[in-house]
PDB file of N, CA and C in Angstrom:
ATOM      1  N   UNK A   1       9.271  15.616  17.428  1.00  0.00           N
ATOM      2  CA  UNK A   1       7.977  15.077  17.065  1.00  0.00           C
ATOM      3  C   UNK A   1       7.398  15.803  15.855  1.00  0.00           C
ATOM      4  N   UNK A   2       7.643  17.091  15.763  1.00  0.00           N
ATOM      5  CA  UNK A   2       7.122  17.848  14.630  1.00  0.00           C
ATOM      6  C   UNK A   2       7.780  17.417  13.325  1.00  0.00           C
ATOM      7  N   UNK A   3       9.054  17.057  13.405  1.00  0.00           N
ATOM      8  CA  UNK A   3       9.732  16.630  12.176  1.00  0.00           C
ATOM      9  C   UNK A   3       9.174  15.308  11.671  1.00  0.00           C
ATOM     10  N   UNK A   4       8.776  14.424  12.579  1.00  0.00           N
ATOM     11  CA  UNK A   4       8.181  13.156  12.165  1.00  0.00           C
ATOM     12  C   UNK A   4       6.838  13.400  11.483  1.00  0.00           C
ATOM     13  N   UNK A   5       6.012  14.266  12.064  1.00  0.00           N
ATOM     14  CA  UNK A   5       4.727  14.597  11.454  1.00  0.00           C
ATOM     15  C   UNK A   5       4.924  15.241  10.085  1.00  0.00           C
ATOM     16  N   UNK A   6       5.887  16.147   9.998  1.00  0.00           N
ATOM     17  CA  UNK A   6       6.157  16.818   8.725  1.00  0.00           C
ATOM     18  C   UNK A   6       6.652  15.822   7.679  1.00  0.00           C
ATOM     19  N   UNK A   7       7.497  14.868   8.114  1.00  0.00           N
ATOM     20  CA  UNK A   7       8.001  13.848   7.195  1.00  0.00           C
ATOM     21  C   UNK A   7       6.854  13.031   6.612  1.00  0.00           C
ATOM     22  N   UNK A   8       5.945  12.541   7.475  1.00  0.00           N
ATOM     23  CA  UNK A   8       4.841  11.732   6.991  1.00  0.00           C
ATOM     24  C   UNK A   8       3.870  12.545   6.141  1.00  0.00           C
ATOM     25  N   UNK A   9       3.650  13.794   6.497  1.00  0.00           N
ATOM     26  CA  UNK A   9       2.770  14.648   5.700  1.00  0.00           C
ATOM     27  C   UNK A   9       3.344  14.831   4.298  1.00  0.00           C
ATOM     28  N   UNK A  10       4.638  15.066   4.197  1.00  0.00           N
ATOM     29  CA  UNK A  10       5.271  15.221   2.886  1.00  0.00           C
ATOM     30  C   UNK A  10       5.272  13.908   2.110  1.00  0.00           C
ATOM     31  N   UNK A  11       5.494  12.797   2.817  1.00  0.00           N
ATOM     32  CA  UNK A  11       5.489  11.495   2.156  1.00  0.00           C
ATOM     33  C   UNK A  11       4.119  11.184   1.576  1.00  0.00           C
ATOM     34  N   UNK A  12       3.055  11.423   2.355  1.00  0.00           N
ATOM     35  CA  UNK A  12       1.708  11.152   1.885  1.00  0.00           C
ATOM     36  C   UNK A  12       1.344  12.052   0.717  1.00  0.00           C
ATOM     37  N   UNK A  13       1.826  13.271   0.715  1.00  0.00           N
ATOM     38  CA  UNK A  13       1.507  14.204  -0.366  1.00  0.00           C
ATOM     39  C   UNK A  13       2.173  13.793  -1.671  1.00  0.00           C
ATOM     40  N   UNK A  14       3.290  13.108  -1.600  1.00  0.00           N
ATOM     41  CA  UNK A  14       4.040  12.758  -2.808  1.00  0.00           C
ATOM     42  C   UNK A  14       3.512  11.531  -3.526  1.00  0.00           C
ATOM     43  N   UNK A  15       2.801  10.669  -2.846  1.00  0.00           N
ATOM     44  CA  UNK A  15       2.406   9.422  -3.479  1.00  0.00           C
ATOM     45  C   UNK A  15       0.983   9.431  -4.029  1.00  0.00           C
ATOM     46  N   UNK A  16       0.345  10.569  -4.096  1.00  0.00           N
ATOM     47  CA  UNK A  16      -0.926  10.724  -4.786  1.00  0.00           C
ATOM     48  C   UNK A  16      -2.114  10.102  -4.086  1.00  0.00           C
ATOM     49  N   UNK A  17      -2.857   9.268  -4.812  1.00  0.00           N
ATOM     50  CA  UNK A  17      -4.082   8.679  -4.287  1.00  0.00           C
ATOM     51  C   UNK A  17      -3.809   7.778  -3.084  1.00  0.00           C
ATOM     52  N   UNK A  18      -2.770   6.976  -3.181  1.00  0.00           N
ATOM     53  CA  UNK A  18      -2.406   6.121  -2.043  1.00  0.00           C
ATOM     54  C   UNK A  18      -2.020   6.982  -0.849  1.00  0.00           C
ATOM     55  N   UNK A  19      -1.377   8.099  -1.102  1.00  0.00           N
ATOM     56  CA  UNK A  19      -1.029   9.020  -0.029  1.00  0.00           C
ATOM     57  C   UNK A  19      -2.256   9.615   0.621  1.00  0.00           C
ATOM     58  N   UNK A  20      -3.271   9.895  -0.184  1.00  0.00           N
ATOM     59  CA  UNK A  20      -4.522  10.399   0.377  1.00  0.00           C
ATOM     60  C   UNK A  20      -5.181   9.382   1.294  1.00  0.00           C
ATOM     61  N   UNK A  21      -5.153   8.118   0.879  1.00  0.00           N
ATOM     62  CA  UNK A  21      -5.709   7.068   1.714  1.00  0.00           C
ATOM     63  C   UNK A  21      -4.908   6.907   3.001  1.00  0.00           C
ATOM     64  N   UNK A  22      -3.587   6.916   2.899  1.00  0.00           N
ATOM     65  CA  UNK A  22      -2.746   6.797   4.087  1.00  0.00           C
ATOM     66  C   UNK A  22      -2.926   8.003   5.008  1.00  0.00           C
ATOM     67  N   UNK A  23      -3.050   9.169   4.420  1.00  0.00           N
ATOM     68  CA  UNK A  23      -3.266  10.373   5.205  1.00  0.00           C
ATOM     69  C   UNK A  23      -4.602  10.305   5.942  1.00  0.00           C
ATOM     70  N   UNK A  24      -5.635   9.791   5.271  1.00  0.00           N
ATOM     71  CA  UNK A  24      -6.936   9.626   5.917  1.00  0.00           C
ATOM     72  C   UNK A  24      -6.827   8.692   7.117  1.00  0.00           C
ATOM     73  N   UNK A  25      -6.152   7.555   6.927  1.00  0.00           N
ATOM     74  CA  UNK A  25      -5.975   6.609   8.030  1.00  0.00           C
ATOM     75  C   UNK A  25      -5.205   7.258   9.175  1.00  0.00           C
ATOM     76  N   UNK A  26      -4.185   8.018   8.851  1.00  0.00           N
ATOM     77  CA  UNK A  26      -3.347   8.613   9.890  1.00  0.00           C
ATOM     78  C   UNK A  26      -4.119   9.670  10.685  1.00  0.00           C
ATOM     79  N   UNK A  27      -4.883  10.505   9.984  1.00  0.00           N
ATOM     80  CA  UNK A  27      -5.642  11.548  10.680  1.00  0.00           C
ATOM     81  C   UNK A  27      -6.764  10.978  11.536  1.00  0.00           C
ATOM     82  N   UNK A  28      -7.355   9.887  11.101  1.00  0.00           N
ATOM     83  CA  UNK A  28      -8.457   9.268  11.842  1.00  0.00           C
ATOM     84  C   UNK A  28      -7.955   8.308  12.923  1.00  0.00           C
ATOM     85  N   UNK A  29      -6.643   8.226  13.106  1.00  0.00           N
ATOM     86  CA  UNK A  29      -6.023   7.368  14.116  1.00  0.00           C
ATOM     87  C   UNK A  29      -6.318   5.884  13.895  1.00  0.00           C
ATOM     88  N   UNK A  30      -6.410   5.490  12.635  1.00  0.00           N
ATOM     89  CA  UNK A  30      -6.585   4.072  12.344  1.00  0.00           C
ATOM     90  C   UNK A  30      -5.396   3.578  11.510  1.00  0.00           C
ATOM     91  N   UNK A  31      -4.195   3.916  11.969  1.00  0.00           N
ATOM     92  CA  UNK A  31      -2.994   3.529  11.241  1.00  0.00           C
ATOM     93  C   UNK A  31      -2.759   2.030  11.304  1.00  0.00           C
ATOM     94  N   UNK A  32      -3.473   1.317  12.163  1.00  0.00           N
ATOM     95  CA  UNK A  32      -3.352  -0.124  12.216  1.00  0.00           C
ATOM     96  C   UNK A  32      -3.916  -0.776  10.961  1.00  0.00           C
ATOM     97  N   UNK A  33      -4.696  -0.028  10.166  1.00  0.00           N
ATOM     98  CA  UNK A  33      -5.245  -0.577   8.926  1.00  0.00           C
ATOM     99  C   UNK A  33      -4.264  -0.484   7.761  1.00  0.00           C
ATOM    100  N   UNK A  34      -3.208   0.288   7.911  1.00  0.00           N
ATOM    101  CA  UNK A  34      -2.256   0.479   6.827  1.00  0.00           C
ATOM    102  C   UNK A  34      -1.636  -0.855   6.385  1.00  0.00           C
ATOM    103  N   UNK A  35      -1.165  -1.727   7.293  1.00  0.00           N
ATOM    104  CA  UNK A  35      -0.633  -3.020   6.829  1.00  0.00           C
ATOM    105  C   UNK A  35      -1.687  -3.890   6.149  1.00  0.00           C
ATOM    106  N   UNK A  36      -2.933  -3.820   6.606  1.00  0.00           N
ATOM    107  CA  UNK A  36      -4.005  -4.595   5.996  1.00  0.00           C
ATOM    108  C   UNK A  36      -4.246  -4.150   4.554  1.00  0.00           C
ATOM    109  N   UNK A  37      -4.338  -2.863   4.346  1.00  0.00           N
ATOM    110  CA  UNK A  37      -4.555  -2.334   2.995  1.00  0.00           C
ATOM    111  C   UNK A  37      -3.344  -2.638   2.115  1.00  0.00           C
ATOM    112  N   UNK A  38      -2.142  -2.541   2.676  1.00  0.00           N
ATOM    113  CA  UNK A  38      -0.937  -2.877   1.916  1.00  0.00           C
ATOM    114  C   UNK A  38      -0.925  -4.328   1.476  1.00  0.00           C
ATOM    115  N   UNK A  39      -1.311  -5.231   2.354  1.00  0.00           N
ATOM    116  CA  UNK A  39      -1.356  -6.653   2.003  1.00  0.00           C
ATOM    117  C   UNK A  39      -2.395  -6.920   0.921  1.00  0.00           C
ATOM    118  N   UNK A  40      -3.542  -6.257   1.006  1.00  0.00           N
ATOM    119  CA  UNK A  40      -4.575  -6.431  -0.021  1.00  0.00           C
ATOM    120  C   UNK A  40      -4.083  -5.906  -1.367  1.00  0.00           C
ATOM    121  N   UNK A  41      -3.394  -4.779  -1.363  1.00  0.00           N
ATOM    122  CA  UNK A  41      -2.860  -4.234  -2.617  1.00  0.00           C
ATOM    123  C   UNK A  41      -1.806  -5.154  -3.223  1.00  0.00           C
ATOM    124  N   UNK A  42      -0.934  -5.698  -2.393  1.00  0.00           N
ATOM    125  CA  UNK A  42       0.094  -6.618  -2.893  1.00  0.00           C
ATOM    126  C   UNK A  42      -0.550  -7.872  -3.478  1.00  0.00           C
ATOM    127  N   UNK A  43      -1.554  -8.403  -2.806  1.00  0.00           N
ATOM    128  CA  UNK A  43      -2.263  -9.566  -3.317  1.00  0.00           C
ATOM    129  C   UNK A  43      -2.947  -9.257  -4.648  1.00  0.00           C
ATOM    130  N   UNK A  44      -3.532  -8.078  -4.764  1.00  0.00           N
ATOM    131  CA  UNK A  44      -4.156  -7.676  -6.021  1.00  0.00           C
ATOM    132  C   UNK A  44      -3.165  -7.565  -7.158  1.00  0.00           C
ATOM    133  N   UNK A  45      -1.993  -7.019  -6.872  1.00  0.00           N
ATOM    134  CA  UNK A  45      -0.952  -6.915  -7.902  1.00  0.00           C
ATOM    135  C   UNK A  45      -0.492  -8.302  -8.330  1.00  0.00           C
ATOM    136  N   UNK A  46      -0.346  -9.211  -7.383  1.00  0.00           N
ATOM    137  CA  UNK A  46       0.046 -10.584  -7.735  1.00  0.00           C
ATOM    138  C   UNK A  46      -1.006 -11.260  -8.607  1.00  0.00           C
ATOM    139  N   UNK A  47      -2.266 -11.027  -8.317  1.00  0.00           N
ATOM    140  CA  UNK A  47      -3.330 -11.618  -9.139  1.00  0.00           C
ATOM    141  C   UNK A  47      -3.298 -11.047 -10.546  1.00  0.00           C
ATOM    142  N   UNK A  48      -3.104  -9.749 -10.665  1.00  0.00           N
ATOM    143  CA  UNK A  48      -3.056  -9.118 -11.988  1.00  0.00           C
ATOM    144  C   UNK A  48      -1.869  -9.639 -12.793  1.00  0.00           C
ATOM    145  N   UNK A  49      -0.695  -9.732 -12.175  1.00  0.00           N
ATOM    146  CA  UNK A  49       0.468 -10.247 -12.888  1.00  0.00           C
ATOM    147  C   UNK A  49       0.339 -11.733 -13.180  1.00  0.00           C
ATOM    148  N   UNK A  50      -0.377 -12.459 -12.354  1.00  0.00           N
ATOM    149  CA  UNK A  50      -0.521 -13.896 -12.538  1.00  0.00           C
ATOM    150  C   UNK A  50      -1.449 -14.284 -13.664  1.00  0.00           C
ATOM    151  N   UNK A  51      -2.222 -13.362 -14.169  1.00  0.00           N
ATOM    152  CA  UNK A  51      -3.177 -13.699 -15.210  1.00  0.00           C
ATOM    153  C   UNK A  51      -2.520 -13.926 -16.563  1.00  0.00           C
ATOM    154  N   UNK A  52      -1.600 -13.085 -16.935  1.00  0.00           N
ATOM    155  CA  UNK A  52      -1.085 -13.200 -18.306  1.00  0.00           C
ATOM    156  C   UNK A  52       0.354 -12.727 -18.432  1.00  0.00           C
ATOM    157  N   UNK A  53       1.230 -13.217 -17.593  1.00  0.00           N
ATOM    158  CA  UNK A  53       2.607 -12.790 -17.732  1.00  0.00           C
ATOM    159  C   UNK A  53       3.537 -13.998 -17.643  1.00  0.00           C
ATOM    160  N   UNK A  54       4.786 -13.746 -17.909  1.00  0.00           N
ATOM    161  CA  UNK A  54       5.774 -14.829 -17.886  1.00  0.00           C
ATOM    162  C   UNK A  54       6.084 -15.280 -16.469  1.00  0.00           C
ATOM    163  N   UNK A  55       5.798 -14.438 -15.490  1.00  0.00           N
ATOM    164  CA  UNK A  55       6.105 -14.811 -14.111  1.00  0.00           C
ATOM    165  C   UNK A  55       4.939 -15.512 -13.425  1.00  0.00           C
ATOM    166  N   UNK A  56       3.890 -15.835 -14.182  1.00  0.00           N
ATOM    167  CA  UNK A  56       2.718 -16.461 -13.581  1.00  0.00           C
ATOM    168  C   UNK A  56       3.036 -17.822 -12.976  1.00  0.00           C
ATOM    169  N   UNK A  57       3.955 -18.570 -13.563  1.00  0.00           N
ATOM    170  CA  UNK A  57       4.312 -19.878 -13.024  1.00  0.00           C
ATOM    171  C   UNK A  57       4.918 -19.726 -11.628  1.00  0.00           C
ATOM    172  N   UNK A  58       5.685 -18.672 -11.410  1.00  0.00           N
ATOM    173  CA  UNK A  58       6.283 -18.450 -10.099  1.00  0.00           C
ATOM    174  C   UNK A  58       5.256 -17.974  -9.068  1.00  0.00           C
ATOM    175  N   UNK A  59       4.287 -17.204  -9.536  1.00  0.00           N
ATOM    176  CA  UNK A  59       3.259 -16.710  -8.629  1.00  0.00           C
ATOM    177  C   UNK A  59       2.345 -17.853  -8.200  1.00  0.00           C
ATOM    178  N   UNK A  60       2.030 -18.769  -9.104  1.00  0.00           N
ATOM    179  CA  UNK A  60       1.143 -19.878  -8.750  1.00  0.00           C
ATOM    180  C   UNK A  60       1.765 -20.787  -7.698  1.00  0.00           C
ATOM    181  N   UNK A  61       3.083 -20.857  -7.632  1.00  0.00           N
ATOM    182  CA  UNK A  61       3.709 -21.689  -6.609  1.00  0.00           C
ATOM    183  C   UNK A  61       3.548 -21.083  -5.217  1.00  0.00           C
ATOM    184  N   UNK A  62       3.279 -19.788  -5.122  1.00  0.00           N
ATOM    185  CA  UNK A  62       3.064 -19.164  -3.833  1.00  0.00           C
ATOM    186  C   UNK A  62       1.747 -19.588  -3.212  1.00  0.00           C
ATOM    187  N   UNK A  63       0.780 -19.908  -4.042  1.00  0.00           N
ATOM    188  CA  UNK A  63      -0.552 -20.259  -3.555  1.00  0.00           C
ATOM    189  C   UNK A  63      -0.759 -21.732  -3.622  1.00  0.00           C
TER     190      UNK A  63
END
């Protein structure tokens, strides 16, 4: 069990700001929010790429 905690602590430390957010969720026992925040981030990235890139035609077909 300690190795799992150490693994996640090291993982969160390596990814910077997102790691800080994940670490906050993990310490506060609200890890169920991690998939929600991940989905929102993915949707935001799709919106940003869909505004002015060559792959926008493919992104618009998703919606």
